[in-house]
Protein backbone atom coordinates (compact mmCIF):
# COMPACT_ATOMS: atom_id res chain seq x y z
CA LEU A 1 3.18 -5.77 26.47
CA PRO A 2 -0.09 -3.99 26.40
CA ALA A 3 -0.06 -0.20 26.63
CA ASP A 4 -1.93 1.66 29.26
CA ALA A 5 -4.04 4.76 28.45
CA THR A 6 -1.18 7.17 29.31
CA GLU A 7 1.16 5.38 26.89
CA ILE A 8 -1.35 5.24 24.16
CA GLU A 9 -2.03 9.04 24.51
CA ARG A 10 1.74 9.72 24.47
CA ARG A 11 2.09 7.74 21.25
CA LEU A 12 -0.95 9.48 19.65
CA ASP A 13 0.52 12.91 20.59
CA LEU A 14 3.85 11.97 19.04
CA VAL A 15 2.15 10.86 15.80
CA ARG A 16 0.12 14.16 15.74
CA ARG A 17 3.30 16.17 16.06
CA ARG A 18 5.22 14.29 13.40
CA ILE A 19 2.61 14.01 10.69
CA ARG A 20 2.60 17.32 8.85
CA THR A 21 0.51 16.66 5.79
CA LEU A 22 -2.26 14.28 4.75
CA CYS A 23 -3.23 14.34 1.13
CA ARG A 24 -6.03 12.77 -0.87
CA VAL A 25 -5.05 11.48 -4.32
CA ASP A 26 -7.26 10.05 -7.00
CA ALA A 27 -4.83 7.34 -7.97
CA LEU A 28 -6.87 6.34 -10.98
CA ALA A 29 -7.00 9.78 -12.58
CA GLU A 30 -5.40 9.91 -16.02
CA THR A 31 -3.51 12.93 -14.96
CA GLN A 32 -2.13 13.71 -11.62
CA PRO A 33 -1.79 17.20 -10.14
CA ALA A 34 1.35 17.84 -8.14
CA VAL A 35 0.36 17.30 -4.55
CA ARG A 36 3.51 18.89 -3.40
CA SER A 37 6.21 20.22 -5.85
CA THR A 38 9.09 18.63 -3.94
CA GLY A 39 7.35 15.35 -3.20
CA PHE A 40 7.31 13.81 0.26
CA ALA A 41 10.19 12.13 2.22
CA PHE A 42 7.74 9.32 3.22
CA VAL A 43 4.46 8.04 1.56
CA SER A 44 2.44 5.14 2.97
CA THR A 45 -0.21 3.20 1.18
CA ASN A 46 -2.03 0.16 2.60
CA PHE A 47 -4.21 -2.07 0.41
CA VAL A 48 -5.05 0.66 -1.95
CA ALA A 49 -3.84 0.08 -5.49
CA GLU A 50 -4.96 -3.55 -5.75
CA SER A 51 -8.29 -2.70 -4.21
CA ILE A 52 -9.25 0.09 -6.54
CA ALA A 53 -7.86 -1.38 -9.78
CA ASN A 54 -9.98 -3.37 -12.24
CA THR A 55 -7.02 -4.07 -14.70
CA PRO A 56 -3.25 -4.46 -14.45
CA ASP A 57 -3.01 -1.07 -16.24
CA ASP A 58 -5.25 0.50 -13.54
CA TRP A 59 -3.05 -1.02 -10.88
CA ARG A 60 0.20 0.31 -12.48
CA ARG A 61 -1.46 3.80 -12.96
CA ALA A 62 -2.58 3.87 -9.26
CA LEU A 63 0.94 2.78 -8.07
CA ARG A 64 2.56 5.36 -10.39
CA ALA A 65 0.31 8.09 -8.85
CA ILE A 66 1.16 6.97 -5.33
CA ALA A 67 4.93 6.37 -5.86
CA GLY A 68 5.14 9.66 -7.88
CA ASN A 69 4.57 11.64 -4.68
CA VAL A 70 7.87 10.32 -3.16
CA ARG A 71 10.76 12.71 -3.59
CA PRO A 72 14.14 11.31 -4.78
CA GLY A 73 15.77 9.56 -1.89
CA GLY A 74 12.41 9.34 -0.04
CA HIS A 75 10.56 6.14 0.94
CA LEU A 76 7.34 4.43 0.03
CA ALA A 77 5.92 2.02 2.52
CA MET A 78 3.36 -0.24 0.97
CA THR A 79 1.18 -3.20 2.07
CA ALA A 80 -0.83 -5.24 -0.36
CA ILE A 81 -3.10 -8.25 -0.19
CA ARG A 82 -1.54 -11.02 -2.27
CA ASN A 83 -3.33 -12.85 -5.05
CA ALA A 84 -6.75 -11.53 -4.17
CA GLY A 85 -9.63 -11.46 -6.71
CA ARG A 86 -11.63 -10.08 -3.92
CA TRP A 87 -11.45 -9.57 -0.13
CA ARG A 88 -13.81 -9.68 2.71
CA VAL A 89 -14.57 -7.54 5.83
CA GLY A 90 -17.36 -9.28 7.80
CA ASP A 91 -20.05 -10.29 5.42
CA HIS A 92 -19.06 -7.77 2.69
CA TRP A 93 -16.89 -8.64 -0.25
CA PHE A 94 -14.97 -6.02 -2.21
CA PRO A 95 -13.25 -6.50 -5.60
CA ALA A 96 -9.50 -6.68 -5.92
CA LEU A 97 -6.83 -7.19 -8.60
CA PRO A 98 -4.52 -10.20 -8.00
CA VAL A 99 -0.89 -8.96 -7.45
CA ASP A 100 2.13 -10.65 -5.90
CA ALA A 101 5.56 -9.66 -4.65
CA ASP A 102 7.13 -9.92 -8.09
CA ASP A 103 4.50 -7.62 -9.60
CA ILE A 104 5.18 -5.12 -6.79
CA ARG A 105 9.02 -5.34 -7.13
CA LEU A 106 9.03 -5.00 -10.94
CA THR A 107 6.53 -2.19 -11.09
CA LEU A 108 8.30 -0.16 -8.43
CA HIS A 109 11.59 -0.71 -10.25
CA ASP A 110 9.95 0.64 -13.46
CA LEU A 111 8.74 3.69 -11.47
CA GLY A 112 12.17 4.49 -10.26
CA HIS A 113 12.17 2.75 -6.92
CA GLN A 114 14.60 0.34 -5.37
CA VAL A 115 13.03 -2.18 -2.98
CA GLU A 116 14.92 -2.12 0.28
CA HIS A 117 12.79 -4.61 2.22
CA LEU A 118 10.07 -6.91 1.15
CA VAL A 119 8.35 -9.37 3.39
CA GLU A 120 5.47 -11.76 2.57
CA ILE A 121 3.22 -13.47 5.12
CA ASP A 122 0.73 -16.25 4.36
CA ALA A 123 -2.93 -15.74 5.24
CA GLU A 124 -4.25 -17.57 8.21
CA ILE A 125 -6.86 -19.20 5.99
CA PRO A 126 -5.46 -19.62 2.54
CA ASP A 127 -8.02 -22.17 1.33
CA PRO A 128 -10.81 -20.63 -0.79
CA SER A 129 -13.14 -23.53 0.18
CA ASP A 130 -12.99 -22.68 3.81
CA PRO A 131 -16.02 -20.51 4.78
CA ARG A 132 -13.67 -18.30 6.87
CA TYR A 133 -11.54 -17.49 3.76
CA GLU A 134 -11.04 -13.71 3.38
CA GLY A 135 -10.16 -13.67 -0.35
CA TYR A 136 -6.32 -13.57 -0.40
CA ASP A 137 -3.53 -15.96 0.17
CA GLY A 138 -1.20 -13.56 2.02
CA MET A 139 0.14 -10.02 2.37
CA VAL A 140 3.13 -8.25 1.02
CA PHE A 141 4.98 -5.56 3.00
CA CYS A 142 7.35 -3.44 1.02
CA LEU A 143 9.66 -0.53 1.76
CA SER A 144 11.28 1.13 -1.41
CA ARG A 145 13.39 4.23 -1.95
CA SER A 146 12.91 6.56 -4.87
CA TYR A 147 15.98 7.07 -7.00
CA GLY A 148 14.03 8.92 -9.76
């Protein structure tokens, strides 16, 4: 059901009251400063690591930087474009590193995370020869818990 303006404002107000900290992290920096000494109970990243990485090592370093901010017992919510060498917004193409659900699952495990939920959806237009193709064959949605 569509929300009316009052409901939208109520939801925005709830989000504003619940979010306590927003942090910028240079996920590709060789060393990472502690953003918060205790880590966070919940960290969210959407289409970041695979969009900024040029190599698999870059991707693992970025994911390590992001996941490293989750405190033990906390959660990481992650969305990634699957198998993208690049991705498109309108007429603009951006580079990406191809990753899939297995890459995410294995890397998170190596970083001290247990995947609790992982869902893949196929792209609406998975055919690279289609002019409407956006550069990826699907998306991966993942929720993991830090045990490290």
